[in-house]
Every structure is written in structure tokens, then in C-alpha cells.
Protein backbone atom coordinates (compact mmCIF):
# COMPACT_ATOMS: atom_id res chain seq x y z
CA UNK A 1 100.35 86.67 85.32
CA UNK A 2 97.82 87.56 87.77
CA UNK A 3 94.94 87.00 85.46
CA UNK A 4 96.08 83.51 84.63
CA UNK A 5 94.91 82.37 88.16
CA UNK A 6 91.27 83.02 87.42
CA UNK A 7 88.79 81.20 85.22
CA UNK A 8 88.13 84.05 83.00
CA UNK A 9 89.39 83.03 79.83
CA UNK A 10 92.42 84.43 77.66
CA UNK A 11 93.37 88.22 78.23
CA UNK A 12 92.62 90.34 75.04
CA UNK A 13 93.20 93.94 76.47
CA UNK A 14 94.11 95.62 79.74
CA UNK A 15 93.98 99.53 80.63
CA UNK A 16 93.87 101.46 83.76
CA UNK A 17 90.56 103.22 84.56
CA UNK A 18 91.26 104.66 88.05
CA UNK A 19 93.91 105.62 90.54
CA UNK A 20 93.13 106.73 94.15
CA UNK A 21 94.79 106.99 97.46
CA UNK A 22 93.91 103.51 98.35
CA UNK A 23 94.33 101.40 95.12
CA UNK A 24 94.51 101.55 91.27
CA UNK A 25 92.05 99.99 88.97
CA UNK A 26 92.46 98.37 85.64
CA UNK A 27 89.70 97.23 82.89
CA UNK A 28 90.40 93.71 81.90
CA UNK A 29 88.89 92.27 78.92
CA UNK A 30 89.08 88.52 78.23
CA UNK A 31 87.48 86.05 75.95
CA UNK A 32 84.63 85.66 78.48
CA UNK A 33 83.79 89.41 79.26
CA UNK A 34 84.90 92.31 81.07
CA UNK A 35 86.49 92.50 84.54
CA UNK A 36 87.83 95.20 87.00
CA UNK A 37 91.26 94.44 88.65
CA UNK A 38 91.92 96.22 91.76
CA UNK A 39 95.37 96.91 92.99
CA UNK A 40 95.34 97.78 96.66
CA UNK A 41 98.15 100.19 97.54
CA UNK A 42 97.75 100.69 101.34
CA UNK A 43 95.70 97.91 103.03
CA UNK A 44 96.60 94.57 105.09
CA UNK A 45 95.49 91.24 103.55
CA UNK A 46 93.22 90.45 106.47
CA UNK A 47 91.68 93.96 106.05
CA UNK A 48 90.97 93.15 102.27
CA UNK A 49 89.47 89.73 103.25
CA UNK A 50 87.46 91.37 106.22
CA UNK A 51 85.81 93.67 103.28
CA UNK A 52 85.54 90.67 100.55
CA UNK A 53 83.49 88.61 103.52
CA UNK A 54 81.30 91.48 103.87
CA UNK A 55 80.53 92.30 100.43
CA UNK A 56 80.02 88.35 99.86
CA UNK A 57 77.42 88.46 102.61
CA UNK A 58 75.74 91.68 101.64
CA UNK A 59 75.23 90.34 98.14
CA UNK A 60 73.75 87.18 99.15
CA UNK A 61 70.92 89.17 101.31
CA UNK A 62 70.17 91.04 98.34
CA UNK A 63 71.89 94.51 98.43
CA UNK A 64 73.65 95.71 95.64
CA UNK A 65 77.34 95.07 96.76
CA UNK A 66 79.64 93.55 94.15
CA UNK A 67 81.81 90.56 95.78
CA UNK A 68 85.07 89.78 94.13
CA UNK A 69 85.87 86.65 92.04
CA UNK A 70 87.58 83.72 93.55
CA UNK A 71 90.72 82.27 91.84
CA UNK A 72 91.23 78.55 91.06
CA UNK A 73 91.85 78.14 94.71
CA UNK A 74 89.15 79.94 96.22
CA UNK A 75 91.21 82.77 97.16
CA UNK A 76 89.86 86.54 96.51
CA UNK A 77 93.04 88.22 97.57
CA UNK A 78 96.29 87.46 95.60
CA UNK A 79 100.06 88.60 96.30
CA UNK A 80 102.03 89.04 93.59
CA UNK A 81 105.53 90.33 94.12
CA UNK A 82 104.62 91.98 97.43
CA UNK A 83 101.57 93.49 95.86
CA UNK A 84 97.90 92.86 96.66
CA UNK A 85 94.85 92.50 93.86
CA UNK A 86 91.53 91.36 93.70
CA UNK A 87 89.33 90.68 90.59
CA UNK A 88 85.70 92.02 90.24
CA UNK A 89 82.99 91.53 87.82
CA UNK A 90 82.86 94.78 85.19
CA UNK A 91 79.49 96.54 86.21
CA UNK A 92 77.96 98.64 83.65
CA UNK A 93 76.42 101.83 84.70
CA UNK A 94 76.53 105.57 85.18
CA UNK A 95 76.93 107.77 88.37
CA UNK A 96 74.12 110.21 89.19
CA UNK A 97 75.05 113.42 91.10
CA UNK A 98 72.20 114.43 93.75
CA UNK A 99 71.19 117.47 91.87
CA UNK A 100 70.08 114.69 89.12
CA UNK A 101 67.64 112.89 91.61
CA UNK A 102 64.23 113.75 92.13
CA UNK A 103 62.34 113.23 95.61
CA UNK A 104 61.86 109.72 94.59
CA UNK A 105 65.25 108.87 93.85
CA UNK A 106 66.84 110.80 96.83
CA UNK A 107 64.55 108.47 99.06
CA UNK A 108 65.87 105.42 97.07
CA UNK A 109 69.38 106.04 97.97
CA UNK A 110 68.38 106.90 101.74
CA UNK A 111 66.74 103.60 101.92
CA UNK A 112 69.85 101.92 100.13
CA UNK A 113 72.10 103.05 102.89
CA UNK A 114 69.73 102.32 105.41
CA UNK A 115 69.79 98.60 104.14
CA UNK A 116 73.63 98.56 104.31
CA UNK A 117 73.33 99.80 108.05
CA UNK A 118 70.62 97.17 109.18
CA UNK A 119 72.59 94.08 107.65
CA UNK A 120 76.28 94.80 108.16
CA UNK A 121 75.79 94.43 112.14
CA UNK A 122 73.89 91.23 111.30
CA UNK A 123 76.64 90.00 109.46
CA UNK A 124 79.84 90.96 111.12
CA UNK A 125 81.06 90.70 114.47
CA UNK A 126 79.52 92.83 117.39
CA UNK A 127 81.34 96.00 118.08
CA UNK A 128 82.19 98.14 121.63
CA UNK A 129 79.39 100.60 122.32
CA UNK A 130 80.01 103.26 122.51
CA UNK A 131 83.04 104.09 120.54
CA UNK A 132 84.66 107.27 122.03
CA UNK A 133 86.22 108.99 119.08
CA UNK A 134 87.57 112.29 120.40
CA UNK A 135 86.26 115.35 118.85
CA UNK A 136 88.58 118.19 117.13
CA UNK A 137 90.28 120.20 119.70
CA UNK A 138 89.68 124.03 118.44
CA UNK A 139 92.92 125.08 120.11
CA UNK A 140 94.95 122.58 117.90
CA UNK A 141 93.06 124.03 114.82
CA UNK A 142 94.01 127.67 115.72
CA UNK A 143 97.35 126.45 115.62
CA UNK A 144 96.74 124.76 112.03
CA UNK A 145 95.42 127.79 110.83
CA UNK A 146 98.47 130.06 111.65
CA UNK A 147 100.83 127.53 110.26
CA UNK A 148 98.52 127.54 107.10
CA UNK A 149 98.43 131.31 106.95
CA UNK A 150 102.12 131.43 107.25
CA UNK A 151 102.67 129.03 104.39
CA UNK A 152 100.07 131.10 102.39
CA UNK A 153 101.39 134.39 102.91
CA UNK A 154 104.94 132.82 102.30
CA UNK A 155 104.15 132.18 98.50
CA UNK A 156 106.16 134.57 96.41
CA UNK A 157 103.40 135.16 93.79
CA UNK A 158 99.67 134.41 95.12
CA UNK A 159 97.04 133.18 92.84
CA UNK A 160 93.30 133.09 92.93
CA UNK A 161 93.49 129.95 95.11
CA UNK A 162 96.10 131.34 97.51
CA UNK A 163 93.75 134.53 97.89
CA UNK A 164 90.60 132.50 98.46
CA UNK A 165 92.45 130.07 101.04
CA UNK A 166 93.71 133.11 103.13
CA UNK A 167 90.38 134.53 103.03
CA UNK A 168 88.40 131.48 104.02
CA UNK A 169 91.36 130.75 106.57
CA UNK A 170 90.52 133.83 108.45
CA UNK A 171 87.12 133.52 108.42
CA UNK A 172 87.23 130.18 109.93
CA UNK A 173 89.43 131.29 112.73
CA UNK A 174 86.84 134.04 113.71
CA UNK A 175 84.39 131.19 113.66
CA UNK A 176 86.28 128.89 115.90
CA UNK A 177 86.73 131.82 118.35
CA UNK A 178 82.96 132.61 118.25
CA UNK A 179 81.75 128.81 118.61
CA UNK A 180 84.52 126.87 120.46
CA UNK A 181 82.09 126.37 123.29
CA UNK A 182 80.19 124.39 121.35
CA UNK A 183 82.78 121.41 120.89
CA UNK A 184 80.61 118.31 121.30
CA UNK A 185 81.69 116.11 124.22
CA UNK A 186 83.68 112.84 123.53
CA UNK A 187 81.10 110.87 125.89
CA UNK A 188 78.07 111.94 123.66
CA UNK A 189 79.11 110.07 120.38
CA UNK A 190 76.35 108.51 118.60
CA UNK A 191 75.65 104.70 118.55
CA UNK A 192 78.56 102.65 116.98
CA UNK A 193 77.62 100.73 113.83
CA UNK A 194 79.28 99.32 110.52
CA UNK A 195 79.56 101.84 107.83
CA UNK A 196 80.70 101.71 104.14
CA UNK A 197 82.63 104.39 104.68
CA UNK A 198 82.71 106.15 101.64
CA UNK A 199 79.16 106.48 100.32
CA UNK A 200 79.10 109.29 97.77
CA UNK A 201 77.69 109.32 93.98
CA UNK A 202 81.16 108.16 92.54
CA UNK A 203 80.54 104.75 94.39
CA UNK A 204 77.03 104.12 93.18
CA UNK A 205 76.23 102.93 89.89
CA UNK A 206 73.08 103.08 88.22
CA UNK A 207 71.28 101.32 85.41
CA UNK A 208 68.27 103.32 84.48
CA UNK A 209 66.90 104.69 87.52
CA UNK A 210 67.56 101.83 89.82
CA UNK A 211 70.84 101.62 91.81
CA UNK A 212 72.60 98.79 90.58
CA UNK A 213 75.97 98.59 92.51
CA UNK A 214 77.62 99.82 95.59
CA UNK A 215 81.32 99.84 94.94
CA UNK A 216 84.66 100.67 96.63
CA UNK A 217 84.28 99.20 100.18
CA UNK A 218 87.79 100.02 101.16
CA UNK A 219 86.96 102.33 104.10
CA UNK A 220 84.41 99.91 105.51
CA UNK A 221 84.74 100.25 109.57
CA UNK A 222 82.99 100.20 112.87
CA UNK A 223 81.99 103.88 113.32
CA UNK A 224 79.05 105.97 114.05
CA UNK A 225 76.44 105.11 111.11
CA UNK A 226 74.33 108.23 111.93
CA UNK A 227 77.41 109.75 111.06
CA UNK A 228 77.82 108.38 107.75
CA UNK A 229 74.10 109.44 106.83
CA UNK A 230 74.73 113.03 107.54
CA UNK A 231 78.01 112.99 105.35
CA UNK A 232 76.52 111.16 102.80
CA UNK A 233 73.87 113.81 102.31
CA UNK A 234 76.34 116.66 102.26
CA UNK A 235 78.44 115.02 99.81
CA UNK A 236 75.10 114.22 97.60
CA UNK A 237 73.42 117.45 97.96
CA UNK A 238 75.79 120.21 98.43
CA UNK A 239 76.01 122.66 95.58
CA UNK A 240 79.17 122.22 93.97
CA UNK A 241 79.44 126.23 93.33
CA UNK A 242 77.67 127.95 96.08
CA UNK A 243 77.95 125.07 98.99
CA UNK A 244 74.49 125.36 99.82
CA UNK A 245 72.90 122.13 101.09
CA UNK A 246 69.51 121.00 99.21
CA UNK A 247 67.12 120.68 102.34
CA UNK A 248 64.39 119.60 100.09
CA UNK A 249 66.75 116.65 98.90
CA UNK A 250 68.14 116.04 102.42
CA UNK A 251 64.55 115.62 103.51
CA UNK A 252 63.81 112.96 101.10
CA UNK A 253 66.74 111.20 101.70
CA UNK A 254 66.18 111.09 105.30
CA UNK A 255 62.45 109.91 104.80
CA UNK A 256 64.07 107.15 102.83
CA UNK A 257 66.53 106.06 105.48
CA UNK A 258 64.27 106.24 108.38
CA UNK A 259 61.71 104.14 106.36
CA UNK A 260 64.48 101.12 106.45
CA UNK A 261 66.07 101.91 109.73
CA UNK A 262 65.20 104.70 112.33
CA UNK A 263 68.27 105.73 114.73
CA UNK A 264 65.65 108.03 116.61
CA UNK A 265 66.35 112.14 116.83
CA UNK A 266 68.38 111.89 119.58
CA UNK A 267 71.17 110.06 117.52
CA UNK A 268 70.47 112.23 114.54
CA UNK A 269 71.04 115.21 116.54
CA UNK A 270 74.34 114.31 117.83
CA UNK A 271 75.54 113.03 114.28
CA UNK A 272 74.64 116.73 112.66
CA UNK A 273 76.25 118.54 115.24
CA UNK A 274 79.52 116.15 115.30
CA UNK A 275 79.70 116.56 111.49
CA UNK A 276 79.15 120.23 111.65
CA UNK A 277 82.11 120.57 114.60
CA UNK A 278 84.23 118.40 112.14
CA UNK A 279 83.44 120.67 109.39
CA UNK A 280 84.35 123.48 111.19
CA UNK A 281 87.86 122.38 112.30
CA UNK A 282 88.85 120.51 109.12
CA UNK A 283 91.61 121.54 107.02
CA UNK A 284 92.51 118.55 105.32
CA UNK A 285 92.44 120.07 101.60
CA UNK A 286 94.40 123.03 102.36
CA UNK A 287 97.00 121.01 104.44
CA UNK A 288 97.30 118.66 101.38
CA UNK A 289 97.75 121.77 99.32
CA UNK A 290 100.44 123.62 101.08
CA UNK A 291 102.09 121.21 103.23
CA UNK A 292 102.00 118.12 100.97
CA UNK A 293 102.13 119.94 97.57
CA UNK A 294 99.33 117.92 96.33
CA UNK A 295 96.52 120.09 94.50
CA UNK A 296 94.22 117.28 93.65
CA UNK A 297 91.62 118.28 95.94
CA UNK A 298 91.82 122.10 94.89
CA UNK A 299 88.53 122.10 92.97
CA UNK A 300 86.82 120.74 95.86
CA UNK A 301 87.68 123.52 98.35
CA UNK A 302 85.38 126.43 97.29
CA UNK A 303 82.17 124.47 97.90
CA UNK A 304 83.68 122.71 101.19
CA UNK A 305 84.65 126.30 102.82
CA UNK A 306 81.53 128.02 101.83
CA UNK A 307 79.50 124.87 103.02
CA UNK A 308 80.62 125.26 106.70
CA UNK A 309 79.92 129.05 106.73
CA UNK A 310 76.25 128.60 105.43
CA UNK A 311 75.80 125.58 107.88
CA UNK A 312 76.74 127.65 110.68
CA UNK A 313 74.21 130.26 109.72
CA UNK A 314 71.54 128.09 108.98
CA UNK A 315 72.35 125.45 111.62
CA UNK A 316 68.49 125.13 112.86
CA UNK A 317 67.42 124.93 109.60
CA UNK A 318 69.83 122.04 108.46
CA UNK A 319 69.10 120.24 111.67
CA UNK A 320 65.36 119.95 111.07
CA UNK A 321 65.82 118.79 107.42
CA UNK A 322 67.97 115.79 108.97
CA UNK A 323 65.35 115.29 111.48
CA UNK A 324 62.62 115.12 108.89
């Protein structure tokens, strides 16, 4: 049994606690405590080891990353019948949505992300500058729109989700035609850094008012770090019903971030514009629903679709908030 390879006592209980696209998770209770066993579904061993080394180094620098437990032979990645696992200490804590944070709490989260962005380049190999990531092609997006509309309209009995999806997709087509000239240049990408890759409330555990652990480093990568700042703010501070962005909380979050590392206004302007363009051309939720027949992300669609409309109308106000 995989657990037998660790010095953590005898297994008492074992139950699934999480299931995602990149891994599955299990709570393991032993005679020496509680642990989290992660089963990696779609990553290579060398990629996982890279993530493990990064979290070990971050934790050694005082950041609340949770490194894995080494087995009796010092390994953190275990292979069992072609499957890959890692064991982590169990962290007791709670998740807090962005709306639950006051200005000080928002600034604390921004400062925490800033600390991650400061330390990762010091601890990991240098990366190419700039990283030329192509921006979305509006012509391809229009083709995707027509394909999605065809699938929506081909459904024999449309439901409420179908009606909203059709309305928002038609709306997005008009927006793309109106704003196609604002496509960012591929050569104006923000500076490349290292990013957590999935920094959002469900990957941040609190003990009281203090962040106690940043978890789930499966998307750690070399990408523009300012884009992660903008993306994190969108996830934390977009209202789940109206799709509007709480700009006061964004300002506090950015103040906290820039208090630790200040990328400069030029970098932030480029990141905001590229993320706006990405969202304008983003149809992954509808593709998952209508092409892959996977409805798990359906609850996220109404707010996401509303956000890009609101953001486009309030573009200058949003930009000002991110510039602080």
C-alpha cells in the first residue's frame, strides 16, 4: 500500500475529499495524525518534482506553501501501478471569499501573492524574456461563436441555460466585431515571471484572519506574473450574481501587492488589457458544455459572461483601480 512507504504510523481511515481535472485527493487518518494524499491524473513525474522543489524552497523562506512529505527513501513522488502520488500534511483551515475580506484582508492577500512573485524567480531557473504568448485571434473566435450557436440551436428543447448561452454568445459576437481593432500585439506581452497558476479563494486556507496555506501548485509555470495579479483579482472580487468587479477591494489588493513588488504602471496596463482581451475571446465554459458534454462549470457562466460586458463598459474605471 502507498501509505506504508511513509513514517506516519498505521492507517486508520481513508476517504476521498477532492476531485479535479489535474488530480484527486484523499484524507488519510493514521495513528500519528491526518494527511492529504494527492493522486496526479495528468502530469509527468519531472513536472511534479519541480513543483515540489518550489514549495519546499518557498516554505523555507517563510511563505505558507505546503511542501510534500518525503517517504522512507526521501522521495516525494511515488509511482504505484502506473499512477503518481504525493503525501502532504493536513492543514486545518477555512476558505474566505473575496467579499468576506475587508480592505486590510484584501491588501494582505495582495501582499501574499506579491511575496510569491518575488521569491519564485530567486529560487527557480531564469526564464526567457519576453515570453511571446500569442493573443486570441478574433476571426477564430467568430468561427467558434458560429459553431456554438449551431449546437445551441440544434438542441430539441432548449432550457434556461441554453437561452442565456445563446443571448450572451450573440452579444459577444457583436462586441468582438466592435472591438477587434483593440487586439493586443503579441510583442507587447508583460514581463515573464513565475506564477502559482491557480491563485483563488479555494486554494488559500485561513486560520482566523491570517492566510495559513497556499495549496494546489499544479499549474506553477513561467508566465507573466502581472497577468496572474489581474486574474486573481477577477476571481476574488467579481460578484457571483451580477458579474461586477468590486473596485474598492481591487484597489486594496493592488496596494498590498505593490507594497511588496511594484511591476510598474506599464506592466499593469499591458496585463489588464491582455486579460480583458482574453475574456472577450473566452468560450471555454460553453465549449465544455456543448462540445464536451461537461456541465460542471455551468454555475460559473452567468457571472463570467456578465463580467466581460460590464468590464468593457467600465474599462477605464477598471484600469484605474488596477493602477492604484
